[in-house]
Amino acid sequence: SEVIRAREWIKTQLDKHDIRHHMDGGNFFLIWPNNDSSKIEASLKSLGILVRNMNNKPLINDSLRVSIGTTNQMRQFWKAYKNVDCI
């Protein structure tokens, strides 16, 4: 139930900021950053947030795969993401 709450919370943030994403009920989502996905991945990693870059994967190229954790973890991700992708 916590993952469902966290998924809904982060989905609301992404929708509110018109960020392209794909969420299909699993424990992860895809997000397409406004800037270079490799640079965003590296910036997030430097802040202790690990995401998986989906570069060169058909249909999801340039996206980042983000695992959904607790709502607190999603808040930490969102704070960092906003800073590194200039939202």
N, C-alpha and C. Protein backbone atom coordinates (compact mmCIF):
# COMPACT_ATOMS: atom_id res chain seq x y z
N SER A 1 0.82 -1.20 0.00
CA SER A 1 0.00 0.00 0.00
C SER A 1 0.86 1.26 0.00
N GLU A 2 2.04 1.18 0.62
CA GLU A 2 2.94 2.35 0.63
C GLU A 2 3.44 2.66 -0.78
N VAL A 3 3.77 1.62 -1.54
CA VAL A 3 4.23 1.84 -2.91
C VAL A 3 3.12 2.47 -3.75
N ILE A 4 1.90 2.07 -3.54
CA ILE A 4 0.77 2.66 -4.28
C ILE A 4 0.63 4.13 -3.94
N ARG A 5 0.72 4.47 -2.65
CA ARG A 5 0.66 5.88 -2.24
C ARG A 5 1.81 6.67 -2.84
N ALA A 6 3.01 6.10 -2.80
CA ALA A 6 4.19 6.77 -3.34
C ALA A 6 4.05 6.96 -4.85
N ARG A 7 3.54 5.94 -5.55
CA ARG A 7 3.34 6.03 -7.00
C ARG A 7 2.36 7.16 -7.32
N GLU A 8 1.28 7.24 -6.60
CA GLU A 8 0.30 8.30 -6.85
C GLU A 8 0.88 9.68 -6.56
N TRP A 9 1.67 9.78 -5.51
CA TRP A 9 2.29 11.07 -5.16
C TRP A 9 3.23 11.54 -6.26
N ILE A 10 4.14 10.67 -6.71
CA ILE A 10 5.11 11.09 -7.73
C ILE A 10 4.41 11.32 -9.06
N LYS A 11 3.38 10.55 -9.37
CA LYS A 11 2.63 10.76 -10.61
C LYS A 11 1.99 12.14 -10.61
N THR A 12 1.45 12.56 -9.49
CA THR A 12 0.87 13.89 -9.37
C THR A 12 1.92 14.97 -9.64
N GLN A 13 3.11 14.79 -9.10
CA GLN A 13 4.18 15.77 -9.32
C GLN A 13 4.57 15.84 -10.80
N LEU A 14 4.72 14.68 -11.42
CA LEU A 14 5.11 14.63 -12.83
C LEU A 14 4.04 15.26 -13.71
N ASP A 15 2.77 14.94 -13.44
CA ASP A 15 1.67 15.51 -14.22
C ASP A 15 1.60 17.02 -14.04
N LYS A 16 1.75 17.46 -12.80
CA LYS A 16 1.66 18.89 -12.49
C LYS A 16 2.72 19.71 -13.24
N HIS A 17 3.88 19.10 -13.47
CA HIS A 17 4.98 19.79 -14.14
C HIS A 17 5.13 19.39 -15.61
N ASP A 18 4.12 18.71 -16.15
CA ASP A 18 4.11 18.29 -17.56
C ASP A 18 5.38 17.55 -17.97
N ILE A 19 5.81 16.64 -17.13
CA ILE A 19 7.00 15.85 -17.43
C ILE A 19 6.56 14.54 -18.05
N ARG A 20 7.13 14.25 -19.22
CA ARG A 20 6.79 13.01 -19.92
C ARG A 20 7.21 11.82 -19.08
N HIS A 21 6.29 10.91 -18.87
CA HIS A 21 6.57 9.72 -18.08
C HIS A 21 5.65 8.58 -18.51
N HIS A 22 6.02 7.40 -18.07
CA HIS A 22 5.19 6.22 -18.30
C HIS A 22 5.14 5.43 -17.00
N MET A 23 3.93 5.21 -16.52
CA MET A 23 3.72 4.47 -15.29
C MET A 23 2.66 3.42 -15.57
N ASP A 24 3.01 2.16 -15.39
CA ASP A 24 2.07 1.10 -15.79
C ASP A 24 1.79 0.12 -14.66
N GLY A 25 1.71 0.64 -13.43
CA GLY A 25 1.28 -0.21 -12.33
C GLY A 25 2.36 -1.04 -11.66
N GLY A 26 3.58 -1.02 -12.15
CA GLY A 26 4.65 -1.79 -11.51
C GLY A 26 5.30 -1.00 -10.39
N ASN A 27 6.46 -1.45 -9.98
CA ASN A 27 7.17 -0.74 -8.92
C ASN A 27 8.25 0.20 -9.48
N PHE A 28 8.07 0.62 -10.73
CA PHE A 28 8.98 1.58 -11.33
C PHE A 28 8.21 2.40 -12.35
N PHE A 29 8.85 3.49 -12.79
CA PHE A 29 8.29 4.29 -13.87
C PHE A 29 9.43 4.78 -14.74
N LEU A 30 9.07 5.22 -15.93
CA LEU A 30 10.03 5.81 -16.85
C LEU A 30 9.78 7.31 -16.90
N ILE A 31 10.86 8.06 -16.98
CA ILE A 31 10.77 9.51 -17.08
C ILE A 31 11.72 9.97 -18.17
N TRP A 32 11.26 10.90 -18.99
CA TRP A 32 12.10 11.46 -20.04
C TRP A 32 12.52 12.86 -19.61
N PRO A 33 13.78 13.02 -19.19
CA PRO A 33 14.24 14.32 -18.72
C PRO A 33 14.21 15.38 -19.83
N ASN A 34 14.16 16.63 -19.41
CA ASN A 34 14.24 17.74 -20.37
C ASN A 34 15.65 17.88 -20.93
N ASN A 35 16.64 17.46 -20.16
CA ASN A 35 18.04 17.56 -20.57
C ASN A 35 18.61 16.17 -20.81
N ASP A 36 19.86 16.11 -21.21
CA ASP A 36 20.53 14.86 -21.55
C ASP A 36 20.39 13.84 -20.42
N SER A 37 19.84 12.68 -20.74
CA SER A 37 19.57 11.67 -19.71
C SER A 37 20.84 11.16 -19.03
N SER A 38 21.94 11.09 -19.77
CA SER A 38 23.20 10.63 -19.16
C SER A 38 23.70 11.63 -18.12
N LYS A 39 23.56 12.91 -18.42
CA LYS A 39 23.98 13.94 -17.46
C LYS A 39 23.07 13.95 -16.24
N ILE A 40 21.78 13.78 -16.46
CA ILE A 40 20.84 13.74 -15.34
C ILE A 40 21.13 12.53 -14.46
N GLU A 41 21.38 11.39 -15.09
CA GLU A 41 21.71 10.18 -14.33
C GLU A 41 22.96 10.41 -13.47
N ALA A 42 23.99 11.00 -14.05
CA ALA A 42 25.23 11.25 -13.31
C ALA A 42 25.00 12.25 -12.16
N SER A 43 24.22 13.27 -12.42
CA SER A 43 23.94 14.26 -11.38
C SER A 43 23.18 13.65 -10.23
N LEU A 44 22.18 12.82 -10.55
CA LEU A 44 21.42 12.16 -9.49
C LEU A 44 22.31 11.21 -8.70
N LYS A 45 23.17 10.48 -9.40
CA LYS A 45 24.08 9.55 -8.73
C LYS A 45 24.99 10.29 -7.75
N SER A 46 25.45 11.48 -8.15
CA SER A 46 26.32 12.25 -7.25
C SER A 46 25.58 12.68 -5.98
N LEU A 47 24.25 12.68 -6.04
CA LEU A 47 23.43 13.02 -4.88
C LEU A 47 22.95 11.78 -4.13
N GLY A 48 23.42 10.60 -4.56
CA GLY A 48 23.06 9.35 -3.89
C GLY A 48 21.76 8.73 -4.38
N ILE A 49 21.26 9.19 -5.54
CA ILE A 49 20.02 8.65 -6.09
C ILE A 49 20.36 7.87 -7.35
N LEU A 50 20.07 6.58 -7.33
CA LEU A 50 20.41 5.71 -8.45
C LEU A 50 19.19 5.47 -9.33
N VAL A 51 19.37 5.71 -10.60
CA VAL A 51 18.35 5.43 -11.62
C VAL A 51 19.05 4.67 -12.74
N ARG A 52 18.28 4.05 -13.59
CA ARG A 52 18.87 3.31 -14.71
C ARG A 52 18.58 4.05 -16.00
N ASN A 53 19.63 4.33 -16.74
CA ASN A 53 19.50 5.02 -18.02
C ASN A 53 19.07 4.02 -19.09
N MET A 54 18.08 4.38 -19.87
CA MET A 54 17.55 3.50 -20.90
C MET A 54 18.00 3.94 -22.30
N ASN A 55 19.15 4.60 -22.39
CA ASN A 55 19.68 5.00 -23.69
C ASN A 55 19.82 3.81 -24.63
N ASN A 56 19.52 4.06 -25.88
CA ASN A 56 19.66 3.08 -26.96
C ASN A 56 18.74 1.87 -26.82
N LYS A 57 17.67 2.02 -26.07
CA LYS A 57 16.67 0.96 -25.99
C LYS A 57 15.48 1.39 -26.84
N PRO A 58 15.08 0.56 -27.79
CA PRO A 58 13.96 0.93 -28.66
C PRO A 58 12.72 1.32 -27.85
N LEU A 59 12.03 2.32 -28.31
CA LEU A 59 10.79 2.86 -27.75
C LEU A 59 10.96 3.64 -26.45
N ILE A 60 12.01 3.38 -25.69
CA ILE A 60 12.19 4.11 -24.43
C ILE A 60 13.53 4.85 -24.37
N ASN A 61 14.13 5.05 -25.53
CA ASN A 61 15.41 5.74 -25.61
C ASN A 61 15.36 7.09 -24.89
N ASP A 62 16.43 7.43 -24.21
CA ASP A 62 16.59 8.69 -23.49
C ASP A 62 15.76 8.80 -22.22
N SER A 63 15.15 7.72 -21.79
CA SER A 63 14.39 7.76 -20.54
C SER A 63 15.26 7.25 -19.40
N LEU A 64 14.78 7.49 -18.19
CA LEU A 64 15.40 6.96 -16.99
C LEU A 64 14.38 6.07 -16.29
N ARG A 65 14.83 4.94 -15.80
CA ARG A 65 13.97 4.01 -15.06
C ARG A 65 14.17 4.30 -13.59
N VAL A 66 13.08 4.61 -12.90
CA VAL A 66 13.12 4.97 -11.49
C VAL A 66 12.29 3.96 -10.71
N SER A 67 12.90 3.31 -9.73
CA SER A 67 12.15 2.40 -8.86
C SER A 67 11.34 3.22 -7.87
N ILE A 68 10.14 2.75 -7.60
CA ILE A 68 9.28 3.44 -6.64
C ILE A 68 9.54 2.86 -5.26
N GLY A 69 9.82 3.75 -4.33
CA GLY A 69 10.05 3.34 -2.94
C GLY A 69 8.94 3.89 -2.07
N THR A 70 9.31 4.34 -0.90
CA THR A 70 8.34 4.94 0.00
C THR A 70 8.04 6.37 -0.47
N THR A 71 7.00 6.95 0.09
CA THR A 71 6.68 8.34 -0.26
C THR A 71 7.84 9.25 0.12
N ASN A 72 8.47 9.00 1.25
CA ASN A 72 9.62 9.81 1.66
C ASN A 72 10.76 9.69 0.65
N GLN A 73 11.02 8.50 0.16
CA GLN A 73 12.07 8.30 -0.85
C GLN A 73 11.70 9.01 -2.16
N MET A 74 10.43 8.98 -2.54
CA MET A 74 10.00 9.67 -3.75
C MET A 74 10.11 11.19 -3.59
N ARG A 75 9.87 11.67 -2.38
CA ARG A 75 10.05 13.11 -2.13
C ARG A 75 11.52 13.50 -2.27
N GLN A 76 12.42 12.65 -1.78
CA GLN A 76 13.85 12.90 -1.92
C GLN A 76 14.25 12.88 -3.40
N PHE A 77 13.74 11.88 -4.13
CA PHE A 77 14.02 11.81 -5.57
C PHE A 77 13.53 13.09 -6.25
N TRP A 78 12.30 13.50 -5.98
CA TRP A 78 11.70 14.64 -6.66
C TRP A 78 12.47 15.92 -6.37
N LYS A 79 12.87 16.11 -5.13
CA LYS A 79 13.66 17.30 -4.77
C LYS A 79 14.95 17.34 -5.57
N ALA A 80 15.65 16.20 -5.64
CA ALA A 80 16.90 16.13 -6.39
C ALA A 80 16.65 16.30 -7.89
N TYR A 81 15.64 15.62 -8.40
CA TYR A 81 15.36 15.68 -9.84
C TYR A 81 15.04 17.10 -10.29
N LYS A 82 14.23 17.80 -9.52
CA LYS A 82 13.90 19.18 -9.88
C LYS A 82 15.15 20.04 -9.99
N ASN A 83 16.09 19.81 -9.09
CA ASN A 83 17.32 20.60 -9.11
C ASN A 83 18.24 20.27 -10.29
N VAL A 84 18.36 19.00 -10.63
CA VAL A 84 19.30 18.61 -11.69
C VAL A 84 18.72 18.76 -13.09
N ASP A 85 17.39 18.75 -13.22
CA ASP A 85 16.79 18.90 -14.56
C ASP A 85 16.15 20.27 -14.72
N CYS A 86 16.47 21.18 -13.82
CA CYS A 86 16.03 22.59 -13.93
C CYS A 86 14.53 22.75 -14.09
N ILE A 87 13.79 22.14 -13.21
CA ILE A 87 12.32 22.24 -13.26
C ILE A 87 11.87 23.31 -12.29
